[in-house]
C-alpha atoms as a PDB file:
ATOM      1  CA  MET A   1      61.841 115.147  92.973  1.00  0.00           C
ATOM      2  CA  PHE A   2      63.886 115.834  89.867  1.00  0.00           C
ATOM      3  CA  VAL A   3      67.603 115.462  89.270  1.00  0.00           C
ATOM      4  CA  LYS A   4      69.339 118.487  87.794  1.00  0.00           C
ATOM      5  CA  THR A   5      72.468 117.848  85.749  1.00  0.00           C
ATOM      6  CA  ILE A   6      75.512 119.964  86.622  1.00  0.00           C
ATOM      7  CA  LEU A   7      78.293 120.046  84.016  1.00  0.00           C
ATOM      8  CA  ILE A   8      81.883 120.062  85.277  1.00  0.00           C
ATOM      9  CA  LYS A   9      85.109 120.252  83.290  1.00  0.00           C
ATOM     10  CA  GLY A  10      87.898 117.745  83.838  1.00  0.00           C
ATOM     11  CA  ALA A  11      89.197 117.633  87.380  1.00  0.00           C
ATOM     12  CA  PRO A  12      86.962 116.972  90.384  1.00  0.00           C
ATOM     13  CA  ILE A  13      85.369 119.917  92.158  1.00  0.00           C
ATOM     14  CA  THR A  14      84.859 120.374  95.882  1.00  0.00           C
ATOM     15  CA  LEU A  15      81.518 120.451  97.626  1.00  0.00           C
ATOM     16  CA  ALA A  16      82.081 124.155  98.390  1.00  0.00           C
ATOM     17  CA  GLN A  17      82.643 124.858  94.674  1.00  0.00           C
ATOM     18  CA  LEU A  18      79.404 123.053  93.835  1.00  0.00           C
ATOM     19  CA  LEU A  19      77.472 125.083  96.416  1.00  0.00           C
ATOM     20  CA  LYS A  20      78.787 128.270  94.779  1.00  0.00           C
ATOM     21  CA  LYS A  21      78.055 126.976  91.271  1.00  0.00           C
ATOM     22  CA  ILE A  22      74.392 126.282  92.096  1.00  0.00           C
ATOM     23  CA  ASP A  23      74.044 129.655  93.898  1.00  0.00           C
ATOM     24  CA  ILE A  24      73.388 128.315  97.393  1.00  0.00           C
ATOM     25  CA  ILE A  25      76.320 130.256  98.855  1.00  0.00           C
ATOM     26  CA  ALA A  26      78.070 133.383  97.614  1.00  0.00           C
ATOM     27  CA  SER A  27      81.616 132.533  98.722  1.00  0.00           C
ATOM     28  CA  GLY A  28      83.661 129.545  99.803  1.00  0.00           C
ATOM     29  CA  GLY A  29      83.846 130.992 103.313  1.00  0.00           C
ATOM     30  CA  GLU A  30      80.109 130.444 103.748  1.00  0.00           C
ATOM     31  CA  ALA A  31      80.379 126.713 103.023  1.00  0.00           C
ATOM     32  CA  LYS A  32      81.412 125.644 106.521  1.00  0.00           C
ATOM     33  CA  ALA A  33      78.478 127.434 108.174  1.00  0.00           C
ATOM     34  CA  PHE A  34      76.032 126.151 105.556  1.00  0.00           C
ATOM     35  CA  LEU A  35      77.190 122.547 105.948  1.00  0.00           C
ATOM     36  CA  SER A  36      76.939 122.741 109.744  1.00  0.00           C
ATOM     37  CA  GLN A  37      73.279 123.826 109.488  1.00  0.00           C
ATOM     38  CA  GLU A  38      71.948 121.927 106.449  1.00  0.00           C
ATOM     39  CA  LYS A  39      71.712 118.230 105.644  1.00  0.00           C
ATOM     40  CA  VAL A  40      73.715 117.390 102.518  1.00  0.00           C
ATOM     41  CA  LEU A  41      73.953 113.896 101.040  1.00  0.00           C
ATOM     42  CA  VAL A  42      76.599 112.738  98.575  1.00  0.00           C
ATOM     43  CA  ASN A  43      75.643 109.428  96.977  1.00  0.00           C
ATOM     44  CA  GLN A  44      73.066 108.973  99.775  1.00  0.00           C
ATOM     45  CA  GLN A  45      75.690 109.443 102.536  1.00  0.00           C
ATOM     46  CA  PRO A  46      75.704 112.464 104.886  1.00  0.00           C
ATOM     47  CA  GLU A  47      78.522 114.877 104.110  1.00  0.00           C
ATOM     48  CA  ASN A  48      79.720 117.973 105.973  1.00  0.00           C
ATOM     49  CA  ARG A  49      83.242 118.450 104.559  1.00  0.00           C
ATOM     50  CA  ARG A  50      83.419 121.464 102.279  1.00  0.00           C
ATOM     51  CA  GLY A  51      86.550 120.035 100.641  1.00  0.00           C
ATOM     52  CA  ARG A  52      84.903 116.726  99.680  1.00  0.00           C
ATOM     53  CA  LYS A  53      85.940 115.938  96.105  1.00  0.00           C
ATOM     54  CA  LEU A  54      83.004 115.404  93.752  1.00  0.00           C
ATOM     55  CA  VAL A  55      83.438 113.545  90.484  1.00  0.00           C
ATOM     56  CA  ASP A  56      81.483 112.581  87.375  1.00  0.00           C
ATOM     57  CA  GLY A  57      78.393 110.581  88.322  1.00  0.00           C
ATOM     58  CA  ASP A  58      78.088 111.749  91.938  1.00  0.00           C
ATOM     59  CA  ILE A  59      74.557 112.516  93.134  1.00  0.00           C
ATOM     60  CA  ILE A  60      74.269 115.339  95.670  1.00  0.00           C
ATOM     61  CA  GLU A  61      71.056 116.070  97.579  1.00  0.00           C
ATOM     62  CA  ILE A  62      70.579 119.516  99.106  1.00  0.00           C
ATOM     63  CA  ARG A  63      67.311 120.871 100.530  1.00  0.00           C
ATOM     64  CA  GLY A  64      65.291 118.168  98.773  1.00  0.00           C
ATOM     65  CA  ASN A  65      66.859 118.823  95.363  1.00  0.00           C
ATOM     66  CA  GLN A  66      69.167 116.363  93.650  1.00  0.00           C
ATOM     67  CA  TYR A  67      72.096 117.278  91.423  1.00  0.00           C
ATOM     68  CA  ARG A  68      74.086 114.834  89.271  1.00  0.00           C
ATOM     69  CA  LEU A  69      77.589 115.784  88.163  1.00  0.00           C
ATOM     70  CA  VAL A  70      78.503 115.116  84.533  1.00  0.00           C
ATOM     71  CA  ASP A  71      81.985 115.681  83.100  1.00  0.00           C
ATOM     72  CA  GLU A  72      81.799 117.778  79.919  1.00  0.00           C
END
């Protein structure tokens, strides 16, 4: 498994924004349904809140892929 780096600018982003950024969902409205059906881990803890704030250094695992957030 590899860890893909995702660059973010400044303020934290939400889990729904990350899902859109990595092209898993097309709109924020799809986030709730996606999170109710898929296992998502944030820093190795299960997460199903689309509004969860993600910050620099967080590791998110989705469908066996890991993403690490890095502030630009």
